[in-house]
């Protein structure tokens, strides 16, 4: 299950999602952050074609009542 770093929505298939690998230069640790297509487009400028068609099916519990099933940002 993927969980969006930005809005908290989740998805199982990962189609259109973007994974960013980040490295802490001082510590030498690396970790990943996953972004759903709408957040990847807004935050990273990536996957704008997928973002226009994507609907977050499993919105985060904090986003209850957000329009169109999308998590509140």
N, C-alpha and C. Protein backbone atom coordinates (compact mmCIF):
# COMPACT_ATOMS: atom_id res chain seq x y z
N UNK A 1 0.85 -1.18 0.00
CA UNK A 1 0.00 0.00 0.00
C UNK A 1 0.89 1.24 0.00
N UNK A 2 0.65 2.11 -0.97
CA UNK A 2 1.37 3.37 -1.04
C UNK A 2 0.58 4.44 -0.30
N UNK A 3 1.27 5.33 0.38
CA UNK A 3 0.64 6.46 1.07
C UNK A 3 1.35 7.72 0.60
N UNK A 4 0.57 8.67 0.12
CA UNK A 4 1.14 9.90 -0.41
C UNK A 4 1.78 10.73 0.69
N UNK A 5 3.00 11.14 0.44
CA UNK A 5 3.77 11.97 1.37
C UNK A 5 3.10 13.33 1.60
N UNK A 6 2.44 13.85 0.57
CA UNK A 6 1.85 15.19 0.62
C UNK A 6 0.45 15.21 1.24
N UNK A 7 -0.47 14.41 0.69
CA UNK A 7 -1.87 14.52 1.12
C UNK A 7 -2.36 13.36 1.98
N UNK A 8 -1.63 12.25 2.00
CA UNK A 8 -2.01 11.13 2.85
C UNK A 8 -2.96 10.12 2.22
N UNK A 9 -3.39 10.35 0.95
CA UNK A 9 -4.24 9.35 0.32
C UNK A 9 -3.41 8.10 0.05
N UNK A 10 -4.07 6.99 -0.21
CA UNK A 10 -3.33 5.75 -0.42
C UNK A 10 -3.86 5.00 -1.63
N UNK A 11 -3.04 4.12 -2.15
CA UNK A 11 -3.42 3.31 -3.29
C UNK A 11 -2.60 2.04 -3.33
N UNK A 12 -3.16 1.02 -3.94
CA UNK A 12 -2.48 -0.27 -4.00
C UNK A 12 -1.75 -0.49 -5.32
N UNK A 13 -2.24 0.08 -6.41
CA UNK A 13 -1.67 -0.22 -7.71
C UNK A 13 -0.42 0.60 -8.04
N UNK A 14 -0.38 1.83 -7.61
CA UNK A 14 0.79 2.67 -7.85
C UNK A 14 0.89 3.24 -9.26
N UNK A 15 -0.14 3.04 -10.08
CA UNK A 15 -0.09 3.57 -11.44
C UNK A 15 -0.09 5.10 -11.42
N UNK A 16 0.94 5.70 -11.98
CA UNK A 16 1.05 7.15 -12.03
C UNK A 16 1.71 7.77 -10.81
N UNK A 17 1.97 6.97 -9.80
CA UNK A 17 2.62 7.48 -8.59
C UNK A 17 4.10 7.74 -8.86
N UNK A 18 4.69 8.64 -8.10
CA UNK A 18 6.10 8.96 -8.22
C UNK A 18 6.78 8.66 -6.89
N UNK A 19 7.90 7.96 -6.96
CA UNK A 19 8.71 7.70 -5.77
C UNK A 19 9.99 8.51 -5.88
N UNK A 20 10.29 9.24 -4.83
CA UNK A 20 11.50 10.06 -4.78
C UNK A 20 12.43 9.44 -3.75
N UNK A 21 13.67 9.22 -4.13
CA UNK A 21 14.67 8.71 -3.19
C UNK A 21 15.46 9.92 -2.70
N UNK A 22 15.49 10.06 -1.39
CA UNK A 22 16.20 11.19 -0.78
C UNK A 22 17.35 10.67 0.06
N UNK A 23 18.42 11.43 0.11
CA UNK A 23 19.58 11.04 0.89
C UNK A 23 19.95 12.16 1.84
N UNK A 24 20.20 11.80 3.08
CA UNK A 24 20.71 12.74 4.07
C UNK A 24 22.23 12.72 3.96
N UNK A 25 22.80 13.79 3.43
CA UNK A 25 24.24 13.83 3.16
C UNK A 25 25.05 13.67 4.44
N UNK A 26 24.62 14.30 5.51
CA UNK A 26 25.36 14.24 6.77
C UNK A 26 25.32 12.85 7.40
N UNK A 27 24.16 12.23 7.38
CA UNK A 27 23.98 10.93 8.01
C UNK A 27 24.25 9.76 7.07
N UNK A 28 24.13 10.01 5.76
CA UNK A 28 24.32 8.94 4.79
C UNK A 28 23.12 8.02 4.65
N UNK A 29 22.00 8.38 5.26
CA UNK A 29 20.78 7.58 5.18
C UNK A 29 19.99 7.94 3.93
N UNK A 30 19.34 6.95 3.35
CA UNK A 30 18.46 7.19 2.21
C UNK A 30 17.06 6.69 2.56
N UNK A 31 16.04 7.37 2.07
CA UNK A 31 14.67 6.95 2.28
C UNK A 31 13.85 7.40 1.08
N UNK A 32 12.65 6.85 0.96
CA UNK A 32 11.80 7.19 -0.17
C UNK A 32 10.56 7.95 0.29
N UNK A 33 10.01 8.69 -0.64
CA UNK A 33 8.73 9.37 -0.43
C UNK A 33 7.87 9.12 -1.65
N UNK A 34 6.65 8.68 -1.44
CA UNK A 34 5.74 8.41 -2.55
C UNK A 34 4.72 9.54 -2.67
N UNK A 35 4.39 9.89 -3.91
CA UNK A 35 3.44 10.96 -4.19
C UNK A 35 2.39 10.47 -5.18
N UNK A 36 1.10 10.70 -4.87
CA UNK A 36 0.03 10.38 -5.82
C UNK A 36 0.16 11.34 -7.01
N UNK A 37 -0.43 11.02 -8.16
CA UNK A 37 -0.27 11.88 -9.34
C UNK A 37 -0.65 13.35 -9.13
N UNK A 38 -1.77 13.69 -8.45
CA UNK A 38 -2.06 15.12 -8.27
C UNK A 38 -0.99 15.84 -7.44
N UNK A 39 -0.49 15.19 -6.40
CA UNK A 39 0.54 15.82 -5.57
C UNK A 39 1.88 15.85 -6.27
N UNK A 40 2.19 14.81 -7.05
CA UNK A 40 3.43 14.81 -7.83
C UNK A 40 3.43 15.95 -8.83
N UNK A 41 2.29 16.21 -9.45
CA UNK A 41 2.18 17.32 -10.40
C UNK A 41 2.32 18.66 -9.70
N UNK A 42 1.65 18.81 -8.56
CA UNK A 42 1.67 20.09 -7.84
C UNK A 42 3.00 20.36 -7.14
N UNK A 43 3.58 19.33 -6.55
CA UNK A 43 4.78 19.51 -5.74
C UNK A 43 6.07 19.38 -6.54
N UNK A 44 6.10 18.40 -7.46
CA UNK A 44 7.33 18.08 -8.17
C UNK A 44 7.31 18.45 -9.66
N UNK A 45 6.14 18.83 -10.17
CA UNK A 45 6.02 19.12 -11.59
C UNK A 45 6.08 17.87 -12.45
N UNK A 46 5.67 16.74 -11.90
CA UNK A 46 5.72 15.45 -12.61
C UNK A 46 4.33 14.83 -12.73
N UNK A 47 4.14 14.04 -13.76
CA UNK A 47 2.92 13.24 -13.98
C UNK A 47 1.66 14.09 -14.12
N UNK A 48 1.76 15.25 -14.73
CA UNK A 48 0.57 16.10 -14.88
C UNK A 48 -0.49 15.43 -15.75
N UNK A 49 -0.09 14.61 -16.72
CA UNK A 49 -1.06 13.91 -17.57
C UNK A 49 -1.85 12.89 -16.76
N UNK A 50 -1.21 12.23 -15.81
CA UNK A 50 -1.90 11.26 -14.96
C UNK A 50 -2.75 11.97 -13.91
N UNK A 51 -2.29 13.12 -13.44
CA UNK A 51 -3.00 13.85 -12.39
C UNK A 51 -4.39 14.29 -12.83
N UNK A 52 -4.53 14.63 -14.10
CA UNK A 52 -5.83 15.12 -14.57
C UNK A 52 -6.89 14.02 -14.59
N UNK A 53 -6.48 12.75 -14.62
CA UNK A 53 -7.42 11.63 -14.66
C UNK A 53 -7.50 10.85 -13.35
N UNK A 54 -6.65 11.18 -12.40
CA UNK A 54 -6.53 10.36 -11.20
C UNK A 54 -7.54 10.75 -10.12
N UNK A 55 -8.13 9.76 -9.49
CA UNK A 55 -9.03 9.97 -8.36
C UNK A 55 -8.48 9.16 -7.19
N UNK A 56 -8.22 9.82 -6.09
CA UNK A 56 -7.72 9.13 -4.89
C UNK A 56 -8.88 8.33 -4.31
N UNK A 57 -8.81 7.01 -4.42
CA UNK A 57 -9.90 6.16 -3.97
C UNK A 57 -9.91 6.04 -2.46
N UNK A 58 -8.75 5.88 -1.86
CA UNK A 58 -8.66 5.74 -0.41
C UNK A 58 -8.06 7.00 0.15
N UNK A 59 -8.90 7.94 0.52
CA UNK A 59 -8.42 9.20 1.08
C UNK A 59 -8.00 8.98 2.52
N UNK A 60 -7.12 9.83 2.99
CA UNK A 60 -6.66 9.73 4.37
C UNK A 60 -7.82 10.00 5.32
N UNK A 61 -7.75 9.47 6.52
CA UNK A 61 -8.84 9.65 7.47
C UNK A 61 -9.00 11.10 7.89
N UNK A 62 -7.94 11.91 7.77
CA UNK A 62 -8.05 13.34 8.10
C UNK A 62 -8.86 14.10 7.05
N UNK A 63 -9.00 13.49 5.86
CA UNK A 63 -9.63 14.20 4.75
C UNK A 63 -11.10 13.85 4.60
N UNK A 64 -11.71 13.30 5.61
CA UNK A 64 -13.12 12.94 5.50
C UNK A 64 -13.92 14.16 5.06
N UNK A 65 -14.70 13.98 4.03
CA UNK A 65 -15.50 15.08 3.52
C UNK A 65 -14.82 15.91 2.46
N UNK A 66 -13.58 15.60 2.09
CA UNK A 66 -12.91 16.35 1.04
C UNK A 66 -13.61 16.08 -0.29
N UNK A 67 -13.70 17.05 -1.18
CA UNK A 67 -14.41 16.87 -2.45
C UNK A 67 -13.75 15.83 -3.34
N UNK A 68 -14.57 15.11 -4.12
CA UNK A 68 -14.15 14.14 -5.11
C UNK A 68 -13.25 13.05 -4.56
N UNK A 69 -13.34 12.75 -3.27
CA UNK A 69 -12.54 11.67 -2.71
C UNK A 69 -11.08 12.00 -2.56
N UNK A 70 -10.71 13.25 -2.74
CA UNK A 70 -9.31 13.65 -2.63
C UNK A 70 -9.02 14.14 -1.22
N UNK A 71 -7.86 13.86 -0.77
CA UNK A 71 -7.45 14.31 0.57
C UNK A 71 -7.21 15.81 0.56
N UNK A 72 -7.50 16.42 1.67
CA UNK A 72 -7.24 17.86 1.80
C UNK A 72 -5.75 18.09 1.89
N UNK A 73 -5.27 19.10 1.20
CA UNK A 73 -3.84 19.40 1.19
C UNK A 73 -3.58 20.58 2.09
